Amino acid sequence: MIVDPIKIGICGLGTVGYGAYTVLTNNKDEISRRVGRELVVSHIGTRSIKPHQNVGKTKVSNDVFAVAEDPEVDILLELIGGYDVARELVLRAIANGKHVVTANKAMIAVHGNEIFAAARKQNVLVDYEAAVAGGIPIIKAIREGLAANQIEWLAGNGSSGSRDG
C-alpha cells in the first residue's frame, strides 16, 4: 500500500523559516522514518527569497495565503511573526482543515483562545511549543505529564516579540 507524503507549507522565509526548511529537507529521511511517512516541503509563502536561500523546485508564492489555500498542504508552518496577519493566516489554514505549527508567541498570547477554539471545531491541531519558554519543551510535559493537576496559571519572565498591530 502506497501512502501519500505529508506535505508541509512554510509561511515566512526569514531566519526561522529558512532554518525550518533546511532542517526539514536536510533531515528528511530521518524525520520520515520517525514519522512513518514521507515528509515533503511542498509550498513556501514569502515576500522574497534571498540569494543564499536555495529552495530547489519547491513551489513558492509571494502571498502566504496561497499556502493556506493550497489543497495539497497538510500542515502549515506559520513563521511570519506579528499577530494580525499571522492570525488571519492561521485561521484560514484551520478553516481549510490544515494542522498548524507556529513559533509565534505574540499571536498565541493575543489570539490563542480564538485559534484553539477554531482548531477544536475543525478537528485539527495547533502546535506552538517553540513559541513558549524559548522552545523549552514544557507544553507537552504540562499537558501529558501533569494532566491530573489543576494548573490555573503559569508565569514567566517574558520576552520581546514582534508586533504588527
C-alpha atoms as a PDB file:
ATOM      1  CA  MET A   1       0.000   0.000   0.000  1.00  0.00           C
ATOM      2  CA  ILE A   2       1.404   3.386  -1.022  1.00  0.00           C
ATOM      3  CA  VAL A   3       0.841   6.176   1.481  1.00  0.00           C
ATOM      4  CA  ASP A   4       0.842   9.788   0.332  1.00  0.00           C
ATOM      5  CA  PRO A   5       3.545  12.005   1.801  1.00  0.00           C
ATOM      6  CA  ILE A   6       2.769  14.609   4.448  1.00  0.00           C
ATOM      7  CA  LYS A   7       3.026  17.935   2.653  1.00  0.00           C
ATOM      8  CA  ILE A   8       4.320  20.920   4.589  1.00  0.00           C
ATOM      9  CA  GLY A   9       3.727  24.552   3.691  1.00  0.00           C
ATOM     10  CA  ILE A  10       6.060  27.136   5.210  1.00  0.00           C
ATOM     11  CA  CYS A  11       4.909  30.749   5.556  1.00  0.00           C
ATOM     12  CA  GLY A  12       7.803  33.119   6.133  1.00  0.00           C
ATOM     13  CA  LEU A  13      11.318  32.505   4.901  1.00  0.00           C
ATOM     14  CA  GLY A  14      13.308  34.655   7.297  1.00  0.00           C
ATOM     15  CA  THR A  15      15.897  33.228   9.647  1.00  0.00           C
ATOM     16  CA  VAL A  16      13.437  30.867  11.379  1.00  0.00           C
ATOM     17  CA  GLY A  17      11.538  29.908   8.226  1.00  0.00           C
ATOM     18  CA  TYR A  18      14.628  29.113   6.188  1.00  0.00           C
ATOM     19  CA  GLY A  19      16.098  27.295   9.173  1.00  0.00           C
ATOM     20  CA  ALA A  20      12.956  25.147   9.364  1.00  0.00           C
ATOM     21  CA  TYR A  21      13.124  24.492   5.625  1.00  0.00           C
ATOM     22  CA  THR A  22      16.781  23.486   5.897  1.00  0.00           C
ATOM     23  CA  VAL A  23      16.181  21.161   8.855  1.00  0.00           C
ATOM     24  CA  LEU A  24      13.170  19.529   7.170  1.00  0.00           C
ATOM     25  CA  THR A  25      14.967  18.986   3.864  1.00  0.00           C
ATOM     26  CA  ASN A  26      18.403  18.040   5.213  1.00  0.00           C
ATOM     27  CA  ASN A  27      16.913  15.579   7.693  1.00  0.00           C
ATOM     28  CA  LYS A  28      14.039  14.409   5.519  1.00  0.00           C
ATOM     29  CA  ASP A  29      14.931  10.711   5.616  1.00  0.00           C
ATOM     30  CA  GLU A  30      15.321  10.507   9.401  1.00  0.00           C
ATOM     31  CA  ILE A  31      12.213  12.591  10.104  1.00  0.00           C
ATOM     32  CA  SER A  32      10.210  10.488   7.627  1.00  0.00           C
ATOM     33  CA  ARG A  33      11.471   7.291   9.260  1.00  0.00           C
ATOM     34  CA  ARG A  34      10.395   8.506  12.702  1.00  0.00           C
ATOM     35  CA  VAL A  35       7.014   9.767  11.495  1.00  0.00           C
ATOM     36  CA  GLY A  36       6.345   6.686   9.401  1.00  0.00           C
ATOM     37  CA  ARG A  37       5.515   8.682   6.255  1.00  0.00           C
ATOM     38  CA  GLU A  38       7.491  10.689   3.768  1.00  0.00           C
ATOM     39  CA  LEU A  39       7.670  14.399   4.610  1.00  0.00           C
ATOM     40  CA  VAL A  40       7.837  16.976   1.804  1.00  0.00           C
ATOM     41  CA  VAL A  41       8.028  20.770   1.912  1.00  0.00           C
ATOM     42  CA  SER A  42       5.646  21.413  -0.962  1.00  0.00           C
ATOM     43  CA  HIS A  43       4.879  25.153  -0.810  1.00  0.00           C
ATOM     44  CA  ILE A  44       6.591  28.246   0.590  1.00  0.00           C
ATOM     45  CA  GLY A  45       4.944  31.624   1.052  1.00  0.00           C
ATOM     46  CA  THR A  46       7.393  34.527   1.335  1.00  0.00           C
ATOM     47  CA  ARG A  47       7.820  38.109   0.196  1.00  0.00           C
ATOM     48  CA  SER A  48      11.200  37.288  -1.317  1.00  0.00           C
ATOM     49  CA  ILE A  49      13.887  34.659  -1.486  1.00  0.00           C
ATOM     50  CA  LYS A  50      17.351  35.875  -0.540  1.00  0.00           C
ATOM     51  CA  PRO A  51      20.274  34.965  -2.823  1.00  0.00           C
ATOM     52  CA  HIS A  52      21.699  32.441  -0.308  1.00  0.00           C
ATOM     53  CA  GLN A  53      18.366  30.639   0.089  1.00  0.00           C
ATOM     54  CA  ASN A  54      18.162  27.579  -2.116  1.00  0.00           C
ATOM     55  CA  VAL A  55      14.674  26.060  -2.091  1.00  0.00           C
ATOM     56  CA  GLY A  56      15.181  23.821  -5.096  1.00  0.00           C
ATOM     57  CA  LYS A  57      11.999  23.162  -7.054  1.00  0.00           C
ATOM     58  CA  THR A  58       9.672  23.844  -4.124  1.00  0.00           C
ATOM     59  CA  LYS A  59       6.636  25.874  -5.156  1.00  0.00           C
ATOM     60  CA  VAL A  60       6.989  29.496  -3.979  1.00  0.00           C
ATOM     61  CA  SER A  61       4.240  32.124  -3.678  1.00  0.00           C
ATOM     62  CA  ASN A  62       4.579  35.792  -2.762  1.00  0.00           C
ATOM     63  CA  ASP A  63       1.228  35.519  -0.975  1.00  0.00           C
ATOM     64  CA  VAL A  64       1.281  33.494   2.264  1.00  0.00           C
ATOM     65  CA  PHE A  65      -2.473  32.997   1.990  1.00  0.00           C
ATOM     66  CA  ALA A  66      -1.865  30.923  -1.159  1.00  0.00           C
ATOM     67  CA  VAL A  67      -0.216  28.345   1.102  1.00  0.00           C
ATOM     68  CA  ALA A  68      -3.231  28.299   3.444  1.00  0.00           C
ATOM     69  CA  GLU A  69      -5.495  27.796   0.412  1.00  0.00           C
ATOM     70  CA  ASP A  70      -3.338  25.133  -1.252  1.00  0.00           C
ATOM     71  CA  PRO A  71      -5.314  21.843  -1.109  1.00  0.00           C
ATOM     72  CA  GLU A  72      -2.035  19.891  -1.304  1.00  0.00           C
ATOM     73  CA  VAL A  73      -0.692  21.298   2.003  1.00  0.00           C
ATOM     74  CA  ASP A  74      -1.430  19.178   5.095  1.00  0.00           C
ATOM     75  CA  ILE A  75       0.491  21.169   7.715  1.00  0.00           C
ATOM     76  CA  LEU A  76       1.159  24.907   7.655  1.00  0.00           C
ATOM     77  CA  LEU A  77       4.208  26.289   9.477  1.00  0.00           C
ATOM     78  CA  GLU A  78       3.402  29.893  10.419  1.00  0.00           C
ATOM     79  CA  LEU A  79       6.722  31.695  10.751  1.00  0.00           C
ATOM     80  CA  ILE A  80       5.865  35.216   9.612  1.00  0.00           C
ATOM     81  CA  GLY A  81       5.692  36.780  13.078  1.00  0.00           C
ATOM     82  CA  GLY A  82       3.442  39.528  14.357  1.00  0.00           C
ATOM     83  CA  TYR A  83      -0.115  38.788  15.243  1.00  0.00           C
ATOM     84  CA  ASP A  84      -2.686  40.347  12.921  1.00  0.00           C
ATOM     85  CA  VAL A  85      -1.725  38.882   9.539  1.00  0.00           C
ATOM     86  CA  ALA A  86      -0.475  35.722  11.267  1.00  0.00           C
ATOM     87  CA  ARG A  87      -3.858  35.294  12.996  1.00  0.00           C
ATOM     88  CA  GLU A  88      -5.725  35.620   9.716  1.00  0.00           C
ATOM     89  CA  LEU A  89      -3.327  33.172   8.043  1.00  0.00           C
ATOM     90  CA  VAL A  90      -3.656  30.580  10.809  1.00  0.00           C
ATOM     91  CA  LEU A  91      -7.453  30.874  10.958  1.00  0.00           C
ATOM     92  CA  ARG A  92      -7.667  30.454   7.184  1.00  0.00           C
ATOM     93  CA  ALA A  93      -5.430  27.370   7.324  1.00  0.00           C
ATOM     94  CA  ILE A  94      -7.574  25.908  10.104  1.00  0.00           C
ATOM     95  CA  ALA A  95     -10.772  26.632   8.150  1.00  0.00           C
ATOM     96  CA  ASN A  96      -9.205  24.693   5.261  1.00  0.00           C
ATOM     97  CA  GLY A  97      -8.568  21.681   7.521  1.00  0.00           C
ATOM     98  CA  LYS A  98      -4.809  22.129   7.893  1.00  0.00           C
ATOM     99  CA  HIS A  99      -2.827  21.452  11.027  1.00  0.00           C
ATOM    100  CA  VAL A 100      -0.693  24.411  12.108  1.00  0.00           C
ATOM    101  CA  VAL A 101       2.706  24.716  13.764  1.00  0.00           C
ATOM    102  CA  THR A 102       3.820  28.155  14.939  1.00  0.00           C
ATOM    103  CA  ALA A 103       6.696  29.733  16.816  1.00  0.00           C
ATOM    104  CA  ASN A 104       4.709  32.949  17.180  1.00  0.00           C
ATOM    105  CA  LYS A 105       4.343  33.761  20.876  1.00  0.00           C
ATOM    106  CA  ALA A 106       2.780  37.186  20.212  1.00  0.00           C
ATOM    107  CA  MET A 107      -0.033  35.631  18.195  1.00  0.00           C
ATOM    108  CA  ILE A 108      -0.611  32.859  20.738  1.00  0.00           C
ATOM    109  CA  ALA A 109      -0.699  35.397  23.584  1.00  0.00           C
ATOM    110  CA  VAL A 110      -3.147  37.725  21.845  1.00  0.00           C
ATOM    111  CA  HIS A 111      -5.308  35.328  19.795  1.00  0.00           C
ATOM    112  CA  GLY A 112      -4.643  31.880  21.262  1.00  0.00           C
ATOM    113  CA  ASN A 113      -8.124  31.257  22.655  1.00  0.00           C
ATOM    114  CA  GLU A 114      -9.775  32.090  19.332  1.00  0.00           C
ATOM    115  CA  ILE A 115      -7.278  29.985  17.377  1.00  0.00           C
ATOM    116  CA  PHE A 116      -7.580  26.942  19.651  1.00  0.00           C
ATOM    117  CA  ALA A 117     -11.399  27.132  19.577  1.00  0.00           C
ATOM    118  CA  ALA A 118     -11.336  27.214  15.753  1.00  0.00           C
ATOM    119  CA  ALA A 119      -8.914  24.274  15.679  1.00  0.00           C
ATOM    120  CA  ARG A 120     -11.140  22.208  18.003  1.00  0.00           C
ATOM    121  CA  LYS A 121     -14.144  22.951  15.801  1.00  0.00           C
ATOM    122  CA  GLN A 122     -12.257  21.825  12.669  1.00  0.00           C
ATOM    123  CA  ASN A 123     -10.619  18.871  14.458  1.00  0.00           C
ATOM    124  CA  VAL A 124      -7.069  19.982  13.601  1.00  0.00           C
ATOM    125  CA  LEU A 125      -4.021  20.568  15.774  1.00  0.00           C
ATOM    126  CA  VAL A 126      -2.229  23.818  16.528  1.00  0.00           C
ATOM    127  CA  ASP A 127       1.216  23.141  17.945  1.00  0.00           C
ATOM    128  CA  TYR A 128       3.158  26.017  19.439  1.00  0.00           C
ATOM    129  CA  GLU A 129       5.879  24.504  21.596  1.00  0.00           C
ATOM    130  CA  ALA A 130       8.587  26.701  20.042  1.00  0.00           C
ATOM    131  CA  ALA A 131       6.593  29.848  20.872  1.00  0.00           C
ATOM    132  CA  VAL A 132       6.825  29.225  24.608  1.00  0.00           C
ATOM    133  CA  ALA A 133       9.774  29.459  27.003  1.00  0.00           C
ATOM    134  CA  GLY A 134      12.347  29.847  24.258  1.00  0.00           C
ATOM    135  CA  GLY A 135      11.463  26.476  22.778  1.00  0.00           C
ATOM    136  CA  ILE A 136      11.900  24.534  26.022  1.00  0.00           C
ATOM    137  CA  PRO A 137       9.583  21.526  25.611  1.00  0.00           C
ATOM    138  CA  ILE A 138       7.316  22.464  28.508  1.00  0.00           C
ATOM    139  CA  ILE A 139       3.845  22.380  26.929  1.00  0.00           C
ATOM    140  CA  LYS A 140       3.883  18.636  26.247  1.00  0.00           C
ATOM    141  CA  ALA A 141       5.207  17.964  29.759  1.00  0.00           C
ATOM    142  CA  ILE A 142       2.420  20.014  31.309  1.00  0.00           C
ATOM    143  CA  ARG A 143      -0.329  18.632  29.080  1.00  0.00           C
ATOM    144  CA  GLU A 144       0.697  14.981  29.380  1.00  0.00           C
ATOM    145  CA  GLY A 145       2.836  14.663  32.495  1.00  0.00           C
ATOM    146  CA  LEU A 146       0.797  16.926  34.732  1.00  0.00           C
ATOM    147  CA  ALA A 147      -2.645  16.203  33.308  1.00  0.00           C
ATOM    148  CA  ALA A 148      -4.064  15.205  36.716  1.00  0.00           C
ATOM    149  CA  ASN A 149      -3.024  18.517  38.283  1.00  0.00           C
ATOM    150  CA  GLN A 150      -5.219  21.591  38.208  1.00  0.00           C
ATOM    151  CA  ILE A 151      -2.875  24.250  36.910  1.00  0.00           C
ATOM    152  CA  GLU A 152      -4.616  27.595  36.884  1.00  0.00           C
ATOM    153  CA  TRP A 153      -1.800  29.795  35.570  1.00  0.00           C
ATOM    154  CA  LEU A 154       1.872  29.927  34.706  1.00  0.00           C
ATOM    155  CA  ALA A 155       4.215  32.886  34.939  1.00  0.00           C
ATOM    156  CA  GLY A 156       7.445  33.656  33.187  1.00  0.00           C
ATOM    157  CA  ASN A 157       9.848  36.494  32.892  1.00  0.00           C
ATOM    158  CA  GLY A 158       8.543  37.494  29.460  1.00  0.00           C
ATOM    159  CA  SER A 159      10.397  38.294  26.301  1.00  0.00           C
ATOM    160  CA  SER A 160      10.036  40.635  23.416  1.00  0.00           C
ATOM    161  CA  GLY A 161       8.096  39.502  20.423  1.00  0.00           C
ATOM    162  CA  SER A 162       7.482  41.081  17.070  1.00  0.00           C
ATOM    163  CA  ARG A 163       4.276  43.031  16.616  1.00  0.00           C
ATOM    164  CA  ASP A 164       2.471  44.163  13.510  1.00  0.00           C
ATOM    165  CA  GLY A 165      -0.511  45.877  15.023  1.00  0.00           C
END
